[in-house]
Amino acid sequence: MSTTCLSPLYATDLTAVLYAQKLAPPKKKLTKLEEATIVKRILDLDLRGFPPTKAILHDIANKLLEERDASTVGKNWLDNFVNHKKELKIC
């Protein structure tokens, strides 16, 4: 349901609903275990001398999500993922 549909149902101010949406934390698609698996795979590829390309990492994430019928990662997912992981540094 959209926010305009929910507002009359719950007798709330539309402004309050929109404000609450902005305060809500972003939804994470991957579990902590799946994220740890991706970090481990990135480090393993690097150790073996293979560059972990964006295409490879998107594929790994999407295969993990596919196993539990979740939607795929977005186009900016990898940049956000790397920025939030201290173990990963882009050289």
Protein backbone atom coordinates (compact mmCIF):
# COMPACT_ATOMS: atom_id res chain seq x y z
CA MET A 1 0.00 0.00 0.00
CA SER A 2 1.12 3.52 -0.65
CA THR A 3 1.50 6.15 2.05
CA THR A 4 -1.53 8.02 0.74
CA CYS A 5 -3.63 4.88 1.18
CA LEU A 6 -2.30 4.16 4.66
CA SER A 7 -2.73 7.66 6.03
CA PRO A 8 -6.58 7.67 6.01
CA LEU A 9 -6.74 4.09 7.29
CA TYR A 10 -4.79 4.85 10.41
CA ALA A 11 -6.01 8.44 10.80
CA THR A 12 -2.49 9.84 10.69
CA ASP A 13 -1.11 12.95 9.16
CA LEU A 14 0.54 12.25 5.80
CA THR A 15 3.47 14.47 6.82
CA ALA A 16 4.09 12.26 9.88
CA VAL A 17 4.06 9.13 7.72
CA LEU A 18 6.55 10.59 5.25
CA TYR A 19 8.77 11.82 8.09
CA ALA A 20 8.78 8.34 9.64
CA GLN A 21 9.79 6.82 6.31
CA LYS A 22 12.82 9.11 6.11
CA LEU A 23 13.89 8.07 9.61
CA ALA A 24 13.54 4.36 8.89
CA PRO A 25 16.87 2.58 8.47
CA PRO A 26 17.64 1.35 4.96
CA LYS A 27 16.58 -2.21 4.28
CA LYS A 28 19.39 -4.69 3.88
CA LYS A 29 18.89 -7.50 1.43
CA LEU A 30 21.80 -9.64 2.55
CA THR A 31 22.11 -11.28 5.95
CA LYS A 32 25.26 -10.83 8.04
CA LEU A 33 26.31 -14.38 7.12
CA GLU A 34 25.84 -13.67 3.41
CA GLU A 35 27.85 -10.46 3.74
CA ALA A 36 30.62 -12.32 5.57
CA THR A 37 30.61 -14.94 2.80
CA ILE A 38 31.06 -12.23 0.16
CA VAL A 39 33.90 -10.57 2.09
CA LYS A 40 35.61 -13.96 2.49
CA ARG A 41 35.22 -14.63 -1.25
CA ILE A 42 36.62 -11.19 -2.15
CA LEU A 43 39.67 -11.75 0.05
CA ASP A 44 40.12 -15.27 -1.33
CA LEU A 45 40.01 -14.05 -4.94
CA ASP A 46 42.52 -11.32 -4.12
CA LEU A 47 44.84 -13.76 -2.38
CA ARG A 48 44.82 -16.00 -5.47
CA GLY A 49 45.65 -13.06 -7.73
CA PHE A 50 42.24 -12.73 -9.37
CA PRO A 51 40.73 -9.25 -9.39
CA PRO A 52 37.26 -9.33 -7.81
CA THR A 53 35.37 -7.42 -10.51
CA LYS A 54 32.01 -5.76 -10.03
CA ALA A 55 30.38 -8.32 -12.32
CA ILE A 56 31.75 -11.24 -10.29
CA LEU A 57 30.66 -9.72 -6.98
CA HIS A 58 27.19 -8.81 -8.23
CA ASP A 59 26.85 -12.38 -9.47
CA ILE A 60 27.90 -13.82 -6.10
CA ALA A 61 25.44 -11.59 -4.20
CA ASN A 62 22.59 -12.34 -6.60
CA LYS A 63 23.22 -16.10 -6.38
CA LEU A 64 23.04 -15.90 -2.59
CA LEU A 65 19.79 -13.94 -2.81
CA GLU A 66 18.40 -16.31 -5.43
CA GLU A 67 18.72 -19.21 -2.99
CA ARG A 68 16.07 -17.63 -0.78
CA ASP A 69 13.99 -16.08 -3.59
CA ALA A 70 14.94 -12.48 -2.76
CA SER A 71 15.25 -9.68 -5.28
CA THR A 72 18.62 -8.87 -6.81
CA VAL A 73 21.04 -6.21 -5.60
CA GLY A 74 20.92 -2.73 -7.12
CA LYS A 75 23.45 -0.98 -9.31
CA ASN A 76 25.02 0.94 -6.38
CA TRP A 77 25.04 -2.01 -3.99
CA LEU A 78 28.71 -2.87 -4.40
CA ASP A 79 29.96 0.67 -3.80
CA ASN A 80 27.87 0.93 -0.63
CA PHE A 81 28.95 -2.54 0.49
CA VAL A 82 32.65 -1.79 0.08
CA ASN A 83 32.30 1.59 1.83
CA HIS A 84 30.75 -0.08 4.88
CA LYS A 85 33.25 -2.93 5.18
CA LYS A 86 36.47 -2.03 6.98
CA GLU A 87 38.15 -5.22 5.75
CA LEU A 88 37.86 -4.04 2.16
CA LYS A 89 39.88 -1.21 0.74
CA ILE A 90 39.90 -0.13 -2.89
CA CYS A 91 43.40 0.62 -4.17
